[in-house]
């Protein structure tokens, strides 16, 4: 299960990188939470870019046969959450990311190194 979810996280991170997201981080939370296996966290510099990043992740994962379960925050585009079950993608506007600081909240999680 984790291997498959890792692949979903990798595809999401690559899609974010391709659309020039800032500060992409993948956290392996499988040892510290039952919520999901991975969080993918990234930032955009404007609400337009944040929406474009979310759209790209959705499109890329759908092309790979992965359907989204839930999406929140798209209209405001300050913090968009894309829920894929074992993988949750968080796309922040820069100011919100520093305020919520998920990397600090999930400091016990493993930071996953990806070749993107």
C-alpha atoms as a PDB file:
ATOM      1  CA  UNK A   1       0.000   0.000   0.000  1.00  0.00           C
ATOM      2  CA  UNK A   2       2.725   2.478   0.920  1.00  0.00           C
ATOM      3  CA  UNK A   3       4.595   1.791  -2.328  1.00  0.00           C
ATOM      4  CA  UNK A   4       1.506   2.736  -4.341  1.00  0.00           C
ATOM      5  CA  UNK A   5       0.854   5.837  -2.239  1.00  0.00           C
ATOM      6  CA  UNK A   6       4.507   6.838  -2.583  1.00  0.00           C
ATOM      7  CA  UNK A   7       4.075   6.751  -6.367  1.00  0.00           C
ATOM      8  CA  UNK A   8       0.988   8.985  -6.073  1.00  0.00           C
ATOM      9  CA  UNK A   9       3.014  11.425  -3.931  1.00  0.00           C
ATOM     10  CA  UNK A  10       5.831  11.386  -6.503  1.00  0.00           C
ATOM     11  CA  UNK A  11       3.464  12.122  -9.394  1.00  0.00           C
ATOM     12  CA  UNK A  12       1.880  14.976  -7.452  1.00  0.00           C
ATOM     13  CA  UNK A  13       5.268  16.443  -6.529  1.00  0.00           C
ATOM     14  CA  UNK A  14       6.478  16.199 -10.135  1.00  0.00           C
ATOM     15  CA  UNK A  15       3.323  17.953 -11.366  1.00  0.00           C
ATOM     16  CA  UNK A  16       3.910  20.735  -8.846  1.00  0.00           C
ATOM     17  CA  UNK A  17       7.533  21.048  -9.891  1.00  0.00           C
ATOM     18  CA  UNK A  18       6.569  21.200 -13.565  1.00  0.00           C
ATOM     19  CA  UNK A  19       4.248  24.148 -12.796  1.00  0.00           C
ATOM     20  CA  UNK A  20       6.999  25.962 -10.846  1.00  0.00           C
ATOM     21  CA  UNK A  21       5.639  25.463  -7.331  1.00  0.00           C
ATOM     22  CA  UNK A  22       7.909  26.730  -4.589  1.00  0.00           C
ATOM     23  CA  UNK A  23       9.377  24.746  -1.700  1.00  0.00           C
ATOM     24  CA  UNK A  24       7.935  21.320  -2.498  1.00  0.00           C
ATOM     25  CA  UNK A  25       8.141  18.978   0.479  1.00  0.00           C
ATOM     26  CA  UNK A  26       6.950  15.383   0.754  1.00  0.00           C
ATOM     27  CA  UNK A  27       6.415  14.085   4.272  1.00  0.00           C
ATOM     28  CA  UNK A  28       6.014  10.414   5.050  1.00  0.00           C
ATOM     29  CA  UNK A  29       3.511  10.462   7.893  1.00  0.00           C
ATOM     30  CA  UNK A  30       2.767   6.714   7.867  1.00  0.00           C
ATOM     31  CA  UNK A  31       4.685   6.175  11.139  1.00  0.00           C
ATOM     32  CA  UNK A  32       3.105   9.090  13.012  1.00  0.00           C
ATOM     33  CA  UNK A  33      -0.514   9.222  11.838  1.00  0.00           C
ATOM     34  CA  UNK A  34      -3.382   7.148  10.536  1.00  0.00           C
ATOM     35  CA  UNK A  35      -4.699  10.059   8.416  1.00  0.00           C
ATOM     36  CA  UNK A  36      -2.598   9.248   5.362  1.00  0.00           C
ATOM     37  CA  UNK A  37       0.759   7.867   4.276  1.00  0.00           C
ATOM     38  CA  UNK A  38       2.104  11.059   2.686  1.00  0.00           C
ATOM     39  CA  UNK A  39       1.598  14.802   2.705  1.00  0.00           C
ATOM     40  CA  UNK A  40       2.803  16.733  -0.320  1.00  0.00           C
ATOM     41  CA  UNK A  41       3.220  20.422   0.529  1.00  0.00           C
ATOM     42  CA  UNK A  42       3.990  23.261  -1.886  1.00  0.00           C
ATOM     43  CA  UNK A  43       3.511  26.995  -2.313  1.00  0.00           C
ATOM     44  CA  UNK A  44       2.391  29.352  -5.023  1.00  0.00           C
ATOM     45  CA  UNK A  45       3.003  33.083  -5.234  1.00  0.00           C
ATOM     46  CA  UNK A  46      -0.538  34.087  -6.229  1.00  0.00           C
ATOM     47  CA  UNK A  47      -4.065  32.715  -6.057  1.00  0.00           C
ATOM     48  CA  UNK A  48      -3.939  32.162  -9.825  1.00  0.00           C
ATOM     49  CA  UNK A  49      -0.797  30.038  -9.487  1.00  0.00           C
ATOM     50  CA  UNK A  50      -2.197  28.127  -6.499  1.00  0.00           C
ATOM     51  CA  UNK A  51      -5.254  27.161  -8.578  1.00  0.00           C
ATOM     52  CA  UNK A  52      -3.073  26.252 -11.561  1.00  0.00           C
ATOM     53  CA  UNK A  53      -0.948  24.022  -9.328  1.00  0.00           C
ATOM     54  CA  UNK A  54      -4.027  22.245  -7.984  1.00  0.00           C
ATOM     55  CA  UNK A  55      -5.414  21.809 -11.492  1.00  0.00           C
ATOM     56  CA  UNK A  56      -2.128  20.305 -12.693  1.00  0.00           C
ATOM     57  CA  UNK A  57      -1.951  17.830  -9.810  1.00  0.00           C
ATOM     58  CA  UNK A  58      -5.556  16.755 -10.404  1.00  0.00           C
ATOM     59  CA  UNK A  59      -5.027  16.365 -14.137  1.00  0.00           C
ATOM     60  CA  UNK A  60      -1.750  14.462 -13.804  1.00  0.00           C
ATOM     61  CA  UNK A  61      -3.084  12.057 -11.207  1.00  0.00           C
ATOM     62  CA  UNK A  62      -6.296  11.493 -13.160  1.00  0.00           C
ATOM     63  CA  UNK A  63      -4.174  10.624 -16.211  1.00  0.00           C
ATOM     64  CA  UNK A  64      -2.522   7.989 -14.018  1.00  0.00           C
ATOM     65  CA  UNK A  65      -5.845   6.529 -12.899  1.00  0.00           C
ATOM     66  CA  UNK A  66      -5.950   8.190  -9.486  1.00  0.00           C
ATOM     67  CA  UNK A  67      -9.243   9.889  -8.639  1.00  0.00           C
ATOM     68  CA  UNK A  68      -9.557  12.648  -6.092  1.00  0.00           C
ATOM     69  CA  UNK A  69     -11.713  11.890  -3.064  1.00  0.00           C
ATOM     70  CA  UNK A  70     -12.178  15.425  -1.783  1.00  0.00           C
ATOM     71  CA  UNK A  71     -11.065  18.984  -2.545  1.00  0.00           C
ATOM     72  CA  UNK A  72     -11.229  22.024  -0.268  1.00  0.00           C
ATOM     73  CA  UNK A  73     -10.263  25.675  -0.549  1.00  0.00           C
ATOM     74  CA  UNK A  74     -10.233  25.946  -4.336  1.00  0.00           C
ATOM     75  CA  UNK A  75     -12.424  29.059  -4.585  1.00  0.00           C
ATOM     76  CA  UNK A  76     -10.324  31.136  -2.183  1.00  0.00           C
ATOM     77  CA  UNK A  77      -7.035  29.554  -3.334  1.00  0.00           C
ATOM     78  CA  UNK A  78      -5.209  30.438  -0.140  1.00  0.00           C
ATOM     79  CA  UNK A  79      -4.831  26.793   0.953  1.00  0.00           C
ATOM     80  CA  UNK A  80      -6.085  24.090  -1.382  1.00  0.00           C
ATOM     81  CA  UNK A  81      -6.288  20.577   0.002  1.00  0.00           C
ATOM     82  CA  UNK A  82      -6.493  17.669  -2.447  1.00  0.00           C
ATOM     83  CA  UNK A  83      -7.367  14.399  -0.711  1.00  0.00           C
ATOM     84  CA  UNK A  84      -6.359  11.188  -2.466  1.00  0.00           C
ATOM     85  CA  UNK A  85      -6.852   8.956   0.568  1.00  0.00           C
ATOM     86  CA  UNK A  86      -3.339   7.811   1.424  1.00  0.00           C
ATOM     87  CA  UNK A  87      -1.880  11.012  -0.049  1.00  0.00           C
ATOM     88  CA  UNK A  88      -2.988  14.533   0.835  1.00  0.00           C
ATOM     89  CA  UNK A  89      -1.679  17.435  -1.234  1.00  0.00           C
ATOM     90  CA  UNK A  90      -1.537  20.863   0.442  1.00  0.00           C
ATOM     91  CA  UNK A  91      -1.015  23.827  -1.882  1.00  0.00           C
ATOM     92  CA  UNK A  92      -0.600  27.103  -0.056  1.00  0.00           C
ATOM     93  CA  UNK A  93      -0.328  30.736  -0.923  1.00  0.00           C
ATOM     94  CA  UNK A  94       3.070  31.679   0.557  1.00  0.00           C
ATOM     95  CA  UNK A  95       1.678  33.706   3.480  1.00  0.00           C
ATOM     96  CA  UNK A  96      -0.669  30.956   4.603  1.00  0.00           C
ATOM     97  CA  UNK A  97       2.060  28.352   4.409  1.00  0.00           C
ATOM     98  CA  UNK A  98       4.292  30.225   6.822  1.00  0.00           C
ATOM     99  CA  UNK A  99       1.329  30.835   9.157  1.00  0.00           C
ATOM    100  CA  UNK A 100       0.167  27.189   9.335  1.00  0.00           C
ATOM    101  CA  UNK A 101       3.708  25.740   9.119  1.00  0.00           C
ATOM    102  CA  UNK A 102       2.708  22.115   8.549  1.00  0.00           C
ATOM    103  CA  UNK A 103       6.336  21.055   8.444  1.00  0.00           C
ATOM    104  CA  UNK A 104       6.674  22.114  12.098  1.00  0.00           C
ATOM    105  CA  UNK A 105       3.336  20.561  13.089  1.00  0.00           C
ATOM    106  CA  UNK A 106       4.408  17.258  11.492  1.00  0.00           C
ATOM    107  CA  UNK A 107       8.059  17.506  12.584  1.00  0.00           C
ATOM    108  CA  UNK A 108       8.074  13.807  13.560  1.00  0.00           C
ATOM    109  CA  UNK A 109       7.323  12.804   9.964  1.00  0.00           C
ATOM    110  CA  UNK A 110       9.992  11.545   7.616  1.00  0.00           C
ATOM    111  CA  UNK A 111      11.046  13.988   4.893  1.00  0.00           C
ATOM    112  CA  UNK A 112      11.078  12.068   1.610  1.00  0.00           C
ATOM    113  CA  UNK A 113      13.778  12.920  -0.909  1.00  0.00           C
ATOM    114  CA  UNK A 114      12.552  12.829  -4.511  1.00  0.00           C
ATOM    115  CA  UNK A 115      14.391  13.251  -7.781  1.00  0.00           C
ATOM    116  CA  UNK A 116      12.342  16.052  -9.311  1.00  0.00           C
END
